[in-house]
């Protein structure tokens, strides 16, 4: 398409509108194909998801999204959260405090057998308040001292069945202009 470019006022006269007004300033995504495992009853750093990110504006709002393929060593749940490694802080939201319960962003129940994979999807908003580079990651683990496996099943069978397949995960950060997102 060709023609003159102008603003919204010019559009009424048949001139093509100028590009701009977008709310997403930057997107960075990490595709995770490596496998890994973590054991214990509290969330631990899942280093496959380590990513550095520098916002372009100090008042930007960041949207974190993860699609984590996992398996476990028995019929248990997994849980965790996004983590700001640079500043040593959980990136919320996390659940409300109640008794001795752990506070996490995501949680889910594994399938009834260790040889089935499953995917958990979760997200969170974050306001870093700086344009300096910050290291982020995901913390996660399983319940009852079992093992959480990333991108593979608990049995990791070497066969052609789809339930034994190796998987992939993603961790993506979207940077939005401050005036386009209201967090309440």
Protein backbone atom coordinates (compact mmCIF):
# COMPACT_ATOMS: atom_id res chain seq x y z
CA UNK A 1 0.00 0.00 0.00
CA UNK A 2 1.27 3.49 -0.74
CA UNK A 3 0.14 7.00 0.10
CA UNK A 4 0.78 9.88 2.45
CA UNK A 5 1.17 9.22 6.14
CA UNK A 6 -0.45 11.43 8.76
CA UNK A 7 -2.08 11.51 12.19
CA UNK A 8 -5.70 10.62 13.09
CA UNK A 9 -6.95 14.03 11.93
CA UNK A 10 -5.40 13.47 8.53
CA UNK A 11 -7.01 10.02 8.29
CA UNK A 12 -10.43 11.63 7.80
CA UNK A 13 -9.18 13.18 4.57
CA UNK A 14 -8.01 9.83 3.18
CA UNK A 15 -4.40 10.01 4.34
CA UNK A 16 -3.02 6.78 5.88
CA UNK A 17 -2.66 6.99 9.65
CA UNK A 18 0.84 7.13 11.11
CA UNK A 19 2.10 4.12 13.03
CA UNK A 20 2.38 4.43 16.79
CA UNK A 21 0.29 4.35 19.90
CA UNK A 22 1.28 0.78 20.67
CA UNK A 23 1.36 -0.18 24.32
CA UNK A 24 3.95 -2.96 24.22
CA UNK A 25 7.42 -1.46 24.41
CA UNK A 26 9.46 -4.66 24.38
CA UNK A 27 9.08 -8.44 24.55
CA UNK A 28 11.74 -10.95 25.54
CA UNK A 29 11.07 -14.67 25.50
CA UNK A 30 13.12 -17.64 26.58
CA UNK A 31 12.45 -21.00 24.97
CA UNK A 32 13.52 -23.76 27.33
CA UNK A 33 14.23 -27.16 25.80
CA UNK A 34 16.75 -28.43 28.37
CA UNK A 35 15.53 -30.88 30.96
CA UNK A 36 16.11 -30.57 34.66
CA UNK A 37 14.90 -31.68 38.06
CA UNK A 38 14.47 -30.31 41.55
CA UNK A 39 13.69 -32.07 44.83
CA UNK A 40 12.46 -30.83 48.17
CA UNK A 41 9.35 -29.41 49.77
CA UNK A 42 9.99 -25.68 49.20
CA UNK A 43 10.40 -23.83 45.90
CA UNK A 44 13.97 -23.82 44.53
CA UNK A 45 15.54 -21.93 41.64
CA UNK A 46 14.79 -23.54 38.28
CA UNK A 47 17.89 -22.24 36.50
CA UNK A 48 16.61 -23.23 33.06
CA UNK A 49 14.37 -20.14 33.34
CA UNK A 50 17.08 -17.57 34.22
CA UNK A 51 16.60 -14.38 32.17
CA UNK A 52 17.99 -10.83 32.40
CA UNK A 53 15.63 -8.01 31.45
CA UNK A 54 16.07 -4.22 31.36
CA UNK A 55 12.92 -2.12 31.03
CA UNK A 56 13.13 0.77 28.58
CA UNK A 57 11.21 3.13 30.93
CA UNK A 58 11.48 3.32 34.72
CA UNK A 59 7.69 3.36 35.20
CA UNK A 60 6.92 0.44 32.87
CA UNK A 61 4.66 -2.43 33.85
CA UNK A 62 6.00 -5.93 33.11
CA UNK A 63 3.80 -8.94 32.43
CA UNK A 64 5.50 -12.27 33.14
CA UNK A 65 4.06 -15.39 31.50
CA UNK A 66 5.31 -18.96 31.73
CA UNK A 67 4.21 -22.19 30.11
CA UNK A 68 6.10 -24.85 32.02
CA UNK A 69 6.11 -28.48 30.85
CA UNK A 70 6.72 -30.82 33.73
CA UNK A 71 6.45 -34.24 35.22
CA UNK A 72 6.95 -35.59 38.70
CA UNK A 73 8.08 -38.73 40.43
CA UNK A 74 4.66 -39.58 41.88
CA UNK A 75 1.09 -38.29 42.16
CA UNK A 76 1.77 -34.93 43.82
CA UNK A 77 1.26 -31.23 43.25
CA UNK A 78 3.83 -28.64 42.21
CA UNK A 79 3.93 -24.94 43.04
CA UNK A 80 6.16 -21.89 42.80
CA UNK A 81 6.55 -18.28 41.72
CA UNK A 82 8.55 -15.81 39.61
CA UNK A 83 11.63 -14.47 41.40
CA UNK A 84 13.76 -11.31 41.14
CA UNK A 85 17.26 -12.73 41.70
CA UNK A 86 18.95 -9.31 41.60
CA UNK A 87 16.88 -7.90 44.47
CA UNK A 88 16.09 -11.17 46.28
CA UNK A 89 12.30 -10.84 46.06
CA UNK A 90 9.30 -12.85 44.93
CA UNK A 91 7.51 -11.27 41.97
CA UNK A 92 3.84 -11.30 43.02
CA UNK A 93 1.12 -12.00 43.27
CA UNK A 94 1.37 -14.73 45.83
CA UNK A 95 -1.41 -16.20 47.94
CA UNK A 96 -2.66 -14.59 51.16
CA UNK A 97 -0.90 -15.55 54.38
CA UNK A 98 -2.81 -18.22 56.29
CA UNK A 99 -1.23 -20.24 59.08
CA UNK A 100 1.97 -22.06 58.13
CA UNK A 101 1.06 -22.38 54.44
CA UNK A 102 3.66 -21.56 51.79
CA UNK A 103 2.78 -18.55 49.63
CA UNK A 104 3.09 -19.15 45.89
CA UNK A 105 1.87 -17.82 42.53
CA UNK A 106 1.06 -21.10 40.78
CA UNK A 107 0.16 -24.60 41.81
CA UNK A 108 -1.25 -27.68 40.19
CA UNK A 109 -1.87 -31.35 40.65
CA UNK A 110 0.14 -33.82 38.61
CA UNK A 111 -1.49 -36.68 36.83
CA UNK A 112 -2.05 -40.01 38.50
CA UNK A 113 1.20 -41.54 37.26
CA UNK A 114 4.81 -40.40 36.95
CA UNK A 115 4.96 -41.29 33.26
CA UNK A 116 2.51 -38.56 32.10
CA UNK A 117 3.67 -34.99 31.34
CA UNK A 118 1.57 -31.93 32.10
CA UNK A 119 1.79 -28.19 31.46
CA UNK A 120 1.10 -25.42 33.92
CA UNK A 121 0.59 -21.83 32.72
CA UNK A 122 0.86 -18.83 35.02
CA UNK A 123 1.56 -15.11 34.98
CA UNK A 124 2.20 -12.06 37.15
CA UNK A 125 2.51 -8.27 36.83
CA UNK A 126 5.62 -6.48 38.06
CA UNK A 127 6.75 -2.86 38.35
CA UNK A 128 10.59 -2.86 38.51
CA UNK A 129 10.92 0.94 38.92
CA UNK A 130 14.24 1.01 37.05
CA UNK A 131 15.80 0.67 33.62
CA UNK A 132 18.73 -1.32 35.05
CA UNK A 133 19.03 -4.95 34.03
CA UNK A 134 17.43 -7.35 36.52
CA UNK A 135 17.90 -11.12 36.64
CA UNK A 136 14.62 -13.04 36.88
CA UNK A 137 13.86 -16.74 37.16
CA UNK A 138 11.19 -19.19 38.27
CA UNK A 139 11.23 -20.98 41.59
CA UNK A 140 9.26 -24.21 41.87
CA UNK A 141 9.08 -27.66 43.38
CA UNK A 142 6.83 -30.58 44.24
CA UNK A 143 5.14 -31.59 47.42
CA UNK A 144 6.19 -34.35 49.84
CA UNK A 145 9.92 -34.46 48.96
CA UNK A 146 9.28 -35.86 45.50
CA UNK A 147 11.04 -34.68 42.34
CA UNK A 148 9.81 -32.05 39.88
CA UNK A 149 11.04 -32.68 36.33
CA UNK A 150 11.20 -29.92 33.71
CA UNK A 151 10.44 -30.84 30.07
CA UNK A 152 10.23 -34.57 30.74
CA UNK A 153 8.17 -37.08 32.68
CA UNK A 154 9.08 -38.68 35.97
CA UNK A 155 9.95 -42.00 34.33
CA UNK A 156 11.44 -40.42 31.16
CA UNK A 157 10.84 -43.64 29.21
CA UNK A 158 12.88 -44.01 26.02
CA UNK A 159 10.09 -45.15 23.70
CA UNK A 160 7.83 -43.79 20.96
CA UNK A 161 4.76 -43.17 23.13
CA UNK A 162 3.63 -39.54 23.20
CA UNK A 163 3.35 -39.60 26.99
CA UNK A 164 7.12 -40.25 27.11
CA UNK A 165 7.95 -37.32 24.81
CA UNK A 166 10.44 -34.62 25.70
CA UNK A 167 8.76 -31.23 25.98
CA UNK A 168 9.54 -27.51 25.78
CA UNK A 169 8.65 -24.57 28.02
CA UNK A 170 8.66 -20.78 27.66
CA UNK A 171 9.19 -17.77 29.93
CA UNK A 172 8.19 -14.43 28.39
CA UNK A 173 8.33 -10.86 29.69
CA UNK A 174 6.20 -8.15 28.04
CA UNK A 175 6.99 -4.51 28.82
CA UNK A 176 3.98 -2.17 28.69
CA UNK A 177 3.96 1.64 28.82
CA UNK A 178 2.88 2.77 32.30
CA UNK A 179 -0.11 4.78 31.09
CA UNK A 180 -1.68 1.80 29.30
CA UNK A 181 -1.95 -0.61 32.26
CA UNK A 182 -3.74 -0.03 35.54
CA UNK A 183 -2.93 -2.48 38.33
CA UNK A 184 -5.45 -2.57 41.16
